[in-house]
């Protein structure tokens, strides 16, 4: 199991989470879990769901510090993705980086993910 998983969140929602200590977007109530990604999945997921945004943050989450259960479950393609079954405690996030849009409509490589790409 990797040491880190990653998540993309809007900057304003992350600031609210920092203020209260938990990230619990509406999607948590709707789906029952938070979507995350392994290092090798992160950029594809960020581009798929946040392309064109200038307020997208990358979060690096230390899974040993999570207070909610974590499960690796298959997505529609059968690929396993990390799902957090509960609110994300901000204390589990050990790095945050603003994603920089690139000229192709995606994002420049993210340094907090690249340094752990082997996980």
C-alpha atoms as a PDB file:
ATOM      1  CA  UNK A   1       0.000   0.000   0.000  1.00  0.00           C
ATOM      2  CA  UNK A   2       1.358   3.455  -0.855  1.00  0.00           C
ATOM      3  CA  UNK A   3       2.281   5.966   1.836  1.00  0.00           C
ATOM      4  CA  UNK A   4       0.441   8.775   0.025  1.00  0.00           C
ATOM      5  CA  UNK A   5      -2.715   9.301  -1.984  1.00  0.00           C
ATOM      6  CA  UNK A   6      -3.724  12.501  -3.748  1.00  0.00           C
ATOM      7  CA  UNK A   7      -6.805  14.619  -4.182  1.00  0.00           C
ATOM      8  CA  UNK A   8      -7.739  17.711  -6.184  1.00  0.00           C
ATOM      9  CA  UNK A   9      -9.951  20.289  -4.492  1.00  0.00           C
ATOM     10  CA  UNK A  10     -11.058  23.856  -5.213  1.00  0.00           C
ATOM     11  CA  UNK A  11      -9.011  26.392  -3.267  1.00  0.00           C
ATOM     12  CA  UNK A  12     -12.025  28.022  -1.540  1.00  0.00           C
ATOM     13  CA  UNK A  13     -13.350  24.673  -0.286  1.00  0.00           C
ATOM     14  CA  UNK A  14      -9.935  23.732   1.039  1.00  0.00           C
ATOM     15  CA  UNK A  15      -9.698  27.009   2.944  1.00  0.00           C
ATOM     16  CA  UNK A  16     -13.068  26.249   4.560  1.00  0.00           C
ATOM     17  CA  UNK A  17     -11.785  22.782   5.465  1.00  0.00           C
ATOM     18  CA  UNK A  18      -8.660  24.215   7.073  1.00  0.00           C
ATOM     19  CA  UNK A  19     -10.832  26.525   9.171  1.00  0.00           C
ATOM     20  CA  UNK A  20     -12.965  23.674  10.537  1.00  0.00           C
ATOM     21  CA  UNK A  21     -10.415  20.841  10.431  1.00  0.00           C
ATOM     22  CA  UNK A  22     -12.318  18.625   7.970  1.00  0.00           C
ATOM     23  CA  UNK A  23     -12.879  18.482   4.226  1.00  0.00           C
ATOM     24  CA  UNK A  24     -16.432  17.264   3.708  1.00  0.00           C
ATOM     25  CA  UNK A  25     -17.830  18.418   0.364  1.00  0.00           C
ATOM     26  CA  UNK A  26     -21.415  17.770  -0.723  1.00  0.00           C
ATOM     27  CA  UNK A  27     -20.204  14.830  -2.825  1.00  0.00           C
ATOM     28  CA  UNK A  28     -19.377  12.959   0.394  1.00  0.00           C
ATOM     29  CA  UNK A  29     -23.061  12.903   1.338  1.00  0.00           C
ATOM     30  CA  UNK A  30     -24.121  12.082  -2.217  1.00  0.00           C
ATOM     31  CA  UNK A  31     -21.630   9.254  -2.883  1.00  0.00           C
ATOM     32  CA  UNK A  32     -20.656   8.151   0.614  1.00  0.00           C
ATOM     33  CA  UNK A  33     -16.922   8.567   0.029  1.00  0.00           C
ATOM     34  CA  UNK A  34     -14.271  10.974  -1.263  1.00  0.00           C
ATOM     35  CA  UNK A  35     -12.459  10.216  -4.507  1.00  0.00           C
ATOM     36  CA  UNK A  36      -8.674  10.196  -4.389  1.00  0.00           C
ATOM     37  CA  UNK A  37      -5.902   8.934  -6.663  1.00  0.00           C
ATOM     38  CA  UNK A  38      -2.604   7.130  -6.460  1.00  0.00           C
ATOM     39  CA  UNK A  39       0.464   9.003  -7.724  1.00  0.00           C
ATOM     40  CA  UNK A  40       0.282   7.476 -11.199  1.00  0.00           C
ATOM     41  CA  UNK A  41      -3.427   8.334 -11.517  1.00  0.00           C
ATOM     42  CA  UNK A  42      -3.390  11.856 -10.146  1.00  0.00           C
ATOM     43  CA  UNK A  43      -2.633  14.038 -13.171  1.00  0.00           C
ATOM     44  CA  UNK A  44      -5.126  12.217 -15.397  1.00  0.00           C
ATOM     45  CA  UNK A  45      -7.852  12.602 -12.760  1.00  0.00           C
ATOM     46  CA  UNK A  46      -7.005  16.260 -12.104  1.00  0.00           C
ATOM     47  CA  UNK A  47      -7.159  17.057 -15.818  1.00  0.00           C
ATOM     48  CA  UNK A  48     -10.370  15.098 -16.323  1.00  0.00           C
ATOM     49  CA  UNK A  49     -12.298  16.833 -13.551  1.00  0.00           C
ATOM     50  CA  UNK A  50     -10.579  20.221 -13.086  1.00  0.00           C
ATOM     51  CA  UNK A  51      -9.247  21.204 -16.532  1.00  0.00           C
ATOM     52  CA  UNK A  52      -9.530  24.920 -17.208  1.00  0.00           C
ATOM     53  CA  UNK A  53      -9.692  25.868 -13.539  1.00  0.00           C
ATOM     54  CA  UNK A  54      -7.152  28.198 -11.973  1.00  0.00           C
ATOM     55  CA  UNK A  55      -8.148  27.438  -8.377  1.00  0.00           C
ATOM     56  CA  UNK A  56      -7.417  23.692  -8.255  1.00  0.00           C
ATOM     57  CA  UNK A  57      -5.202  22.483  -5.432  1.00  0.00           C
ATOM     58  CA  UNK A  58      -3.337  19.191  -5.235  1.00  0.00           C
ATOM     59  CA  UNK A  59      -3.385  17.609  -1.780  1.00  0.00           C
ATOM     60  CA  UNK A  60      -0.870  14.971  -0.697  1.00  0.00           C
ATOM     61  CA  UNK A  61      -2.495  12.781   1.947  1.00  0.00           C
ATOM     62  CA  UNK A  62      -0.466  10.610   4.308  1.00  0.00           C
ATOM     63  CA  UNK A  63      -2.674   7.546   4.618  1.00  0.00           C
ATOM     64  CA  UNK A  64      -1.292   6.629   8.051  1.00  0.00           C
ATOM     65  CA  UNK A  65      -2.807   9.865   9.405  1.00  0.00           C
ATOM     66  CA  UNK A  66      -6.327   9.389   8.013  1.00  0.00           C
ATOM     67  CA  UNK A  67      -9.095   9.157  10.606  1.00  0.00           C
ATOM     68  CA  UNK A  68     -11.685   7.865   8.101  1.00  0.00           C
ATOM     69  CA  UNK A  69     -11.510   4.393   6.528  1.00  0.00           C
ATOM     70  CA  UNK A  70      -9.641   4.044   3.226  1.00  0.00           C
ATOM     71  CA  UNK A  71     -10.496   1.422   0.611  1.00  0.00           C
ATOM     72  CA  UNK A  72      -9.003   0.743  -2.805  1.00  0.00           C
ATOM     73  CA  UNK A  73     -11.926  -0.073  -5.078  1.00  0.00           C
ATOM     74  CA  UNK A  74     -12.358  -0.579  -8.815  1.00  0.00           C
ATOM     75  CA  UNK A  75     -13.564   2.284 -10.964  1.00  0.00           C
ATOM     76  CA  UNK A  76     -15.627   1.807 -14.116  1.00  0.00           C
ATOM     77  CA  UNK A  77     -12.540   0.604 -15.995  1.00  0.00           C
ATOM     78  CA  UNK A  78     -11.640  -1.884 -13.271  1.00  0.00           C
ATOM     79  CA  UNK A  79      -8.630   0.170 -12.135  1.00  0.00           C
ATOM     80  CA  UNK A  80      -8.336   0.432  -8.350  1.00  0.00           C
ATOM     81  CA  UNK A  81      -8.764   3.916  -6.894  1.00  0.00           C
ATOM     82  CA  UNK A  82      -8.486   5.045  -3.274  1.00  0.00           C
ATOM     83  CA  UNK A  83     -11.777   6.068  -1.655  1.00  0.00           C
ATOM     84  CA  UNK A  84     -11.984   7.759   1.743  1.00  0.00           C
ATOM     85  CA  UNK A  85     -15.168   6.763   3.569  1.00  0.00           C
ATOM     86  CA  UNK A  86     -15.724   9.890   5.630  1.00  0.00           C
ATOM     87  CA  UNK A  87     -14.490  13.436   5.945  1.00  0.00           C
ATOM     88  CA  UNK A  88     -10.819  14.109   5.248  1.00  0.00           C
ATOM     89  CA  UNK A  89      -9.095  15.327   8.393  1.00  0.00           C
ATOM     90  CA  UNK A  90      -6.799  18.194   7.396  1.00  0.00           C
ATOM     91  CA  UNK A  91      -4.041  16.827   9.632  1.00  0.00           C
ATOM     92  CA  UNK A  92      -3.551  13.960   7.166  1.00  0.00           C
ATOM     93  CA  UNK A  93      -2.600  16.429   4.406  1.00  0.00           C
ATOM     94  CA  UNK A  94       1.119  17.086   4.514  1.00  0.00           C
ATOM     95  CA  UNK A  95       1.534  19.076   1.286  1.00  0.00           C
ATOM     96  CA  UNK A  96      -0.645  21.382  -0.819  1.00  0.00           C
ATOM     97  CA  UNK A  97       0.185  22.833  -4.225  1.00  0.00           C
ATOM     98  CA  UNK A  98      -1.750  25.109  -6.575  1.00  0.00           C
ATOM     99  CA  UNK A  99      -2.010  23.355  -9.938  1.00  0.00           C
ATOM    100  CA  UNK A 100      -0.707  25.458 -12.813  1.00  0.00           C
ATOM    101  CA  UNK A 101      -2.696  25.290 -16.082  1.00  0.00           C
ATOM    102  CA  UNK A 102      -0.682  24.331 -19.140  1.00  0.00           C
ATOM    103  CA  UNK A 103      -1.149  25.414 -22.764  1.00  0.00           C
ATOM    104  CA  UNK A 104      -2.989  22.166 -23.643  1.00  0.00           C
ATOM    105  CA  UNK A 105      -5.898  22.713 -21.239  1.00  0.00           C
ATOM    106  CA  UNK A 106      -4.509  20.451 -18.513  1.00  0.00           C
ATOM    107  CA  UNK A 107      -1.960  21.131 -15.799  1.00  0.00           C
ATOM    108  CA  UNK A 108       1.790  21.344 -15.473  1.00  0.00           C
ATOM    109  CA  UNK A 109       3.376  18.440 -13.567  1.00  0.00           C
ATOM    110  CA  UNK A 110       2.813  18.736  -9.845  1.00  0.00           C
ATOM    111  CA  UNK A 111       5.964  18.655  -7.714  1.00  0.00           C
ATOM    112  CA  UNK A 112       4.351  17.080  -4.646  1.00  0.00           C
ATOM    113  CA  UNK A 113       3.229  14.121  -6.753  1.00  0.00           C
ATOM    114  CA  UNK A 114       6.316  13.825  -8.982  1.00  0.00           C
ATOM    115  CA  UNK A 115       8.627  13.331  -6.012  1.00  0.00           C
ATOM    116  CA  UNK A 116       6.586  10.283  -4.983  1.00  0.00           C
ATOM    117  CA  UNK A 117       5.714   8.930  -8.419  1.00  0.00           C
ATOM    118  CA  UNK A 118       7.163   5.513  -7.653  1.00  0.00           C
ATOM    119  CA  UNK A 119       4.503   4.823  -5.051  1.00  0.00           C
END
